[in-house]
Amino acid sequence: MIKEIIALLNEIRPYEKITGTSELIASGILDSLAIISLITQLEDAFDIEIADDAVTASNFANVDSIMQLVMKSKKT
């Protein structure tokens, strides 16, 4: 799942070097518009629905936090 998330991030920010440990918000890789785009891509790629109240800086801080968000957002 980490590789898939990094691939999605690379589509949004192709000129950034993104790794599993990149601090996405702190480094400016993700801004509000990029997060909205990423949410759409995550929902499509993983067949999930991300709740509005889950859209927080801590959930998009790095690849691991995004992975945790995806796992929590799995449709039941």
Protein backbone atom coordinates (compact mmCIF):
# COMPACT_ATOMS: atom_id res chain seq x y z
CA MET A 1 0.00 0.00 0.00
CA ILE A 2 2.88 2.38 0.70
CA LYS A 3 4.14 2.11 -2.88
CA GLU A 4 0.65 2.88 -4.22
CA ILE A 5 0.31 5.95 -1.99
CA ILE A 6 3.75 7.23 -3.03
CA ALA A 7 2.79 6.70 -6.69
CA LEU A 8 -0.36 8.79 -6.18
CA LEU A 9 1.66 11.52 -4.47
CA ASN A 10 4.14 11.48 -7.34
CA GLU A 11 1.28 12.05 -9.79
CA ILE A 12 0.22 15.13 -7.84
CA ARG A 13 3.74 16.44 -7.21
CA PRO A 14 5.92 14.94 -9.98
CA TYR A 15 8.89 17.22 -9.30
CA GLU A 16 9.18 16.35 -5.60
CA LYS A 17 11.25 13.46 -4.28
CA ILE A 18 8.74 11.67 -2.08
CA THR A 19 9.71 8.75 0.12
CA GLY A 20 8.01 6.86 2.90
CA THR A 21 9.53 9.22 5.46
CA SER A 22 8.84 12.54 3.71
CA GLU A 23 7.10 15.12 5.87
CA LEU A 24 4.44 16.07 3.35
CA ILE A 25 2.79 19.08 4.99
CA ALA A 26 5.77 20.43 6.92
CA SER A 27 7.90 20.46 3.76
CA GLY A 28 5.17 22.04 1.65
CA ILE A 29 4.73 19.04 -0.65
CA LEU A 30 1.03 18.92 0.23
CA ASP A 31 -1.11 22.02 0.41
CA SER A 32 -4.89 22.23 0.67
CA LEU A 33 -5.50 21.78 -3.07
CA ALA A 34 -3.10 18.86 -3.30
CA ILE A 35 -4.82 17.19 -0.34
CA ILE A 36 -8.21 17.49 -2.04
CA SER A 37 -6.78 15.92 -5.19
CA LEU A 38 -5.11 13.18 -3.15
CA ILE A 39 -8.35 12.38 -1.32
CA THR A 40 -10.13 11.83 -4.62
CA GLN A 41 -7.34 9.59 -5.88
CA LEU A 42 -7.17 7.62 -2.63
CA GLU A 43 -10.92 7.04 -2.63
CA ASP A 44 -10.81 5.77 -6.22
CA ALA A 45 -7.66 3.67 -5.86
CA PHE A 46 -8.59 1.96 -2.59
CA ASP A 47 -12.41 1.98 -2.86
CA ILE A 48 -12.79 3.96 0.34
CA GLU A 49 -14.64 7.02 1.55
CA ILE A 50 -12.67 9.51 3.63
CA ALA A 51 -14.90 11.31 6.11
CA ASP A 52 -14.79 15.10 6.17
CA ASP A 53 -13.72 15.11 9.82
CA ALA A 54 -10.73 12.88 8.91
CA VAL A 55 -9.24 15.61 6.72
CA THR A 56 -6.69 16.87 9.22
CA ALA A 57 -3.05 17.83 8.95
CA SER A 58 -2.03 14.89 11.13
CA ASN A 59 -3.72 12.40 8.75
CA PHE A 60 -1.73 13.76 5.80
CA ALA A 61 1.57 14.51 7.55
CA ASN A 62 3.46 11.58 5.97
CA VAL A 63 2.91 8.40 3.98
CA ASP A 64 2.42 6.30 7.12
CA SER A 65 -0.34 8.55 8.44
CA ILE A 66 -2.06 8.44 5.03
CA MET A 67 -1.81 4.63 5.04
CA GLN A 68 -3.40 4.53 8.50
CA LEU A 69 -6.19 6.82 7.26
CA VAL A 70 -6.82 4.55 4.26
CA MET A 71 -6.99 1.48 6.51
CA LYS A 72 -9.47 3.22 8.85
CA SER A 73 -11.59 4.39 5.93
CA LYS A 74 -12.19 0.97 4.38
CA LYS A 75 -15.87 0.51 3.60
CA THR A 76 -17.52 -2.20 5.63
